[in-house]
C-alpha atoms as a PDB file:
ATOM      1  CA  MET A   1     102.983 148.299 146.321  1.00  0.00           C
ATOM      2  CA  ARG A   2      99.234 148.312 145.723  1.00  0.00           C
ATOM      3  CA  ASP A   3      98.560 150.311 148.907  1.00  0.00           C
ATOM      4  CA  TRP A   4     101.167 152.867 147.910  1.00  0.00           C
ATOM      5  CA  LEU A   5      99.598 153.282 144.449  1.00  0.00           C
ATOM      6  CA  PHE A   6      96.134 153.711 145.914  1.00  0.00           C
ATOM      7  CA  LYS A   7      97.448 156.281 148.374  1.00  0.00           C
ATOM      8  CA  GLN A   8      98.954 158.266 145.499  1.00  0.00           C
ATOM      9  CA  TYR A   9      95.698 157.982 143.546  1.00  0.00           C
ATOM     10  CA  TRP A  10      93.795 159.218 146.612  1.00  0.00           C
ATOM     11  CA  ARG A  11      96.157 162.190 146.972  1.00  0.00           C
ATOM     12  CA  ILE A  12      95.752 163.127 143.317  1.00  0.00           C
ATOM     13  CA  ASN A  13      91.995 162.743 143.611  1.00  0.00           C
ATOM     14  CA  ARG A  14      91.910 165.072 146.657  1.00  0.00           C
ATOM     15  CA  ALA A  15      93.901 167.695 144.732  1.00  0.00           C
ATOM     16  CA  ARG A  16      91.610 167.426 141.708  1.00  0.00           C
ATOM     17  CA  ASN A  17      89.632 170.593 142.498  1.00  0.00           C
ATOM     18  CA  VAL A  18      92.758 172.720 142.887  1.00  0.00           C
ATOM     19  CA  LEU A  19      94.235 171.328 139.675  1.00  0.00           C
ATOM     20  CA  SER A  20      90.948 171.910 137.877  1.00  0.00           C
ATOM     21  CA  LEU A  21      90.898 175.519 139.077  1.00  0.00           C
ATOM     22  CA  PHE A  22      94.487 175.999 137.874  1.00  0.00           C
ATOM     23  CA  PHE A  23      93.739 174.639 134.403  1.00  0.00           C
ATOM     24  CA  TRP A  24      90.519 176.649 134.072  1.00  0.00           C
ATOM     25  CA  ILE A  25      92.381 179.834 134.958  1.00  0.00           C
ATOM     26  CA  ALA A  26      95.145 178.977 132.473  1.00  0.00           C
ATOM     27  CA  MET A  27      92.538 178.357 129.776  1.00  0.00           C
ATOM     28  CA  LEU A  28      90.702 181.608 130.506  1.00  0.00           C
ATOM     29  CA  VAL A  29      93.971 183.557 130.504  1.00  0.00           C
ATOM     30  CA  GLY A  30      94.876 182.012 127.160  1.00  0.00           C
ATOM     31  CA  ILE A  31      91.513 183.021 125.715  1.00  0.00           C
ATOM     32  CA  TRP A  32      91.141 186.510 127.186  1.00  0.00           C
ATOM     33  CA  VAL A  33      94.685 187.918 127.056  1.00  0.00           C
ATOM     34  CA  PRO A  34      94.885 188.115 123.235  1.00  0.00           C
ATOM     35  CA  LEU A  35      91.408 189.670 123.118  1.00  0.00           C
ATOM     36  CA  ILE A  36      92.172 192.236 125.819  1.00  0.00           C
ATOM     37  CA  GLN A  37      95.559 193.004 124.251  1.00  0.00           C
ATOM     38  CA  ILE A  38      93.782 194.227 121.138  1.00  0.00           C
ATOM     39  CA  VAL A  39      91.852 196.813 123.188  1.00  0.00           C
ATOM     40  CA  VAL A  40      94.442 197.612 125.882  1.00  0.00           C
ATOM     41  CA  PRO A  41      98.009 197.346 124.624  1.00  0.00           C
ATOM     42  CA  MET A  42      99.991 196.037 127.609  1.00  0.00           C
ATOM     43  CA  HIS A  43     102.902 193.706 128.187  1.00  0.00           C
ATOM     44  CA  LYS A  44     101.655 190.123 127.731  1.00  0.00           C
ATOM     45  CA  TRP A  45     102.983 188.808 131.075  1.00  0.00           C
ATOM     46  CA  ALA A  46     101.546 191.639 133.144  1.00  0.00           C
ATOM     47  CA  LEU A  47      98.179 191.249 131.449  1.00  0.00           C
ATOM     48  CA  SER A  48      98.300 187.472 131.957  1.00  0.00           C
ATOM     49  CA  ILE A  49      98.942 187.877 135.675  1.00  0.00           C
ATOM     50  CA  MET A  50      96.132 190.421 136.022  1.00  0.00           C
ATOM     51  CA  VAL A  51      93.632 188.242 134.146  1.00  0.00           C
ATOM     52  CA  GLY A  52      94.730 185.182 136.123  1.00  0.00           C
ATOM     53  CA  LEU A  53      94.224 186.962 139.438  1.00  0.00           C
ATOM     54  CA  LEU A  54      90.830 188.237 138.299  1.00  0.00           C
ATOM     55  CA  CYS A  55      89.810 184.686 137.327  1.00  0.00           C
ATOM     56  CA  LEU A  56      90.986 183.372 140.699  1.00  0.00           C
ATOM     57  CA  ALA A  57      89.061 186.107 142.516  1.00  0.00           C
ATOM     58  CA  GLY A  58      85.981 185.300 140.424  1.00  0.00           C
ATOM     59  CA  ALA A  59      86.269 181.612 141.298  1.00  0.00           C
ATOM     60  CA  LEU A  60      86.549 182.469 144.996  1.00  0.00           C
ATOM     61  CA  VAL A  61      83.484 184.732 144.818  1.00  0.00           C
ATOM     62  CA  ILE A  62      81.477 182.023 143.039  1.00  0.00           C
ATOM     63  CA  GLY A  63      82.614 179.447 145.623  1.00  0.00           C
ATOM     64  CA  TYR A  64      81.669 181.743 148.489  1.00  0.00           C
ATOM     65  CA  ALA A  65      78.231 182.378 146.979  1.00  0.00           C
ATOM     66  CA  TRP A  66      77.787 178.634 146.339  1.00  0.00           C
ATOM     67  CA  ASP A  67      78.562 177.934 149.989  1.00  0.00           C
ATOM     68  CA  LYS A  68      76.388 180.724 151.400  1.00  0.00           C
ATOM     69  CA  MET A  69      73.377 179.740 149.296  1.00  0.00           C
ATOM     70  CA  GLY A  70      73.826 176.096 150.347  1.00  0.00           C
ATOM     71  CA  LEU A  71      73.778 174.738 146.808  1.00  0.00           C
ATOM     72  CA  TRP A  72      75.992 171.819 147.818  1.00  0.00           C
ATOM     73  CA  GLN A  73      73.505 170.481 150.383  1.00  0.00           C
ATOM     74  CA  SER A  74      71.166 168.708 147.966  1.00  0.00           C
ATOM     75  CA  GLU A  75      74.091 166.863 146.389  1.00  0.00           C
ATOM     76  CA  THR A  76      75.284 165.759 149.825  1.00  0.00           C
ATOM     77  CA  ARG A  77      71.791 164.590 150.803  1.00  0.00           C
ATOM     78  CA  GLN A  78      71.537 162.480 147.644  1.00  0.00           C
ATOM     79  CA  MET A  79      74.973 160.991 148.276  1.00  0.00           C
ATOM     80  CA  VAL A  80      73.942 159.985 151.791  1.00  0.00           C
ATOM     81  CA  LYS A  81      70.660 158.479 150.549  1.00  0.00           C
ATOM     82  CA  ARG A  82      72.463 156.330 147.970  1.00  0.00           C
ATOM     83  CA  ASN A  83      75.087 154.999 150.367  1.00  0.00           C
ATOM     84  CA  VAL A  84      73.639 152.363 152.699  1.00  0.00           C
ATOM     85  CA  ALA A  85      76.588 152.671 155.059  1.00  0.00           C
ATOM     86  CA  TYR A  86      75.411 156.171 156.025  1.00  0.00           C
ATOM     87  CA  ILE A  87      71.824 155.091 156.691  1.00  0.00           C
ATOM     88  CA  GLU A  88      71.946 151.619 158.211  1.00  0.00           C
ATOM     89  CA  PRO A  89      74.113 151.071 161.280  1.00  0.00           C
ATOM     90  CA  THR A  90      76.459 148.123 161.434  1.00  0.00           C
ATOM     91  CA  LYS A  91      75.709 145.185 163.722  1.00  0.00           C
ATOM     92  CA  LYS A  92      78.295 146.438 166.221  1.00  0.00           C
ATOM     93  CA  GLU A  93      76.696 149.884 166.334  1.00  0.00           C
ATOM     94  CA  LYS A  94      73.190 148.489 166.725  1.00  0.00           C
ATOM     95  CA  ASN A  95      74.127 145.973 169.433  1.00  0.00           C
ATOM     96  CA  TYR A  96      76.673 147.922 171.483  1.00  0.00           C
ATOM     97  CA  LEU A  97      77.224 151.586 170.675  1.00  0.00           C
ATOM     98  CA  ILE A  98      73.657 152.822 170.222  1.00  0.00           C
ATOM     99  CA  PRO A  99      72.386 151.198 173.449  1.00  0.00           C
ATOM    100  CA  LEU A 100      75.286 152.761 175.361  1.00  0.00           C
ATOM    101  CA  GLN A 101      74.500 156.173 173.906  1.00  0.00           C
ATOM    102  CA  LEU A 102      70.835 155.584 174.637  1.00  0.00           C
ATOM    103  CA  GLU A 103      71.570 154.994 178.336  1.00  0.00           C
ATOM    104  CA  THR A 104      73.544 158.227 178.467  1.00  0.00           C
ATOM    105  CA  ALA A 105      70.710 160.071 176.737  1.00  0.00           C
ATOM    106  CA  ARG A 106      68.203 158.638 179.230  1.00  0.00           C
ATOM    107  CA  ALA A 107      70.301 159.886 182.146  1.00  0.00           C
ATOM    108  CA  VAL A 108      70.605 163.361 180.598  1.00  0.00           C
ATOM    109  CA  ALA A 109      66.868 163.470 179.859  1.00  0.00           C
ATOM    110  CA  LYS A 110      66.095 162.481 183.449  1.00  0.00           C
ATOM    111  CA  MET A 111      68.394 165.193 184.847  1.00  0.00           C
ATOM    112  CA  THR A 112      67.200 167.985 182.537  1.00  0.00           C
ATOM    113  CA  ASN A 113      63.525 166.991 182.057  1.00  0.00           C
ATOM    114  CA  ASP A 114      63.944 167.640 178.333  1.00  0.00           C
ATOM    115  CA  LYS A 115      60.728 166.630 176.553  1.00  0.00           C
ATOM    116  CA  ARG A 116      62.274 166.744 173.081  1.00  0.00           C
ATOM    117  CA  LEU A 117      65.116 164.426 174.112  1.00  0.00           C
ATOM    118  CA  ALA A 118      62.643 162.027 175.737  1.00  0.00           C
ATOM    119  CA  LYS A 119      60.663 161.910 172.481  1.00  0.00           C
ATOM    120  CA  GLN A 120      63.820 161.173 170.482  1.00  0.00           C
ATOM    121  CA  ILE A 121      64.786 158.430 172.947  1.00  0.00           C
ATOM    122  CA  LYS A 122      61.400 156.749 172.414  1.00  0.00           C
ATOM    123  CA  GLU A 123      61.889 156.962 168.623  1.00  0.00           C
ATOM    124  CA  VAL A 124      65.301 155.319 168.868  1.00  0.00           C
ATOM    125  CA  GLU A 125      63.966 152.611 171.177  1.00  0.00           C
ATOM    126  CA  SER A 126      61.174 151.788 168.748  1.00  0.00           C
ATOM    127  CA  TRP A 127      63.664 151.791 165.877  1.00  0.00           C
ATOM    128  CA  LEU A 128      65.966 149.395 167.769  1.00  0.00           C
ATOM    129  CA  SER A 129      63.112 147.029 168.576  1.00  0.00           C
ATOM    130  CA  LYS A 130      62.352 146.498 164.865  1.00  0.00           C
END
């Protein structure tokens, strides 16, 4: 029962942004339609749909600009810095997975004579020896 409840909570949490967008648009429509109706006498439902679509288009434009300017990157960097699980590898990763990947990287560096990869391999080796 507990797992089912947490799964439902997770689903609601994932849909939070869409629900937030819906309620913001509904709020903006409720505010702007009576004001616009004073200036432009139109049927209330048609005006509501037009204002709602304009708000949705505005939200999409703001989201696109937010993504293109990379404004979300600093928040993501801070989230990674605060969470130790993203920074420090687990014991299994440090003892088994990273050495296996390191051997593969050594073979690739030997075949391609890539100086940058060789430098990164030395950094990882020194990091593992600590």
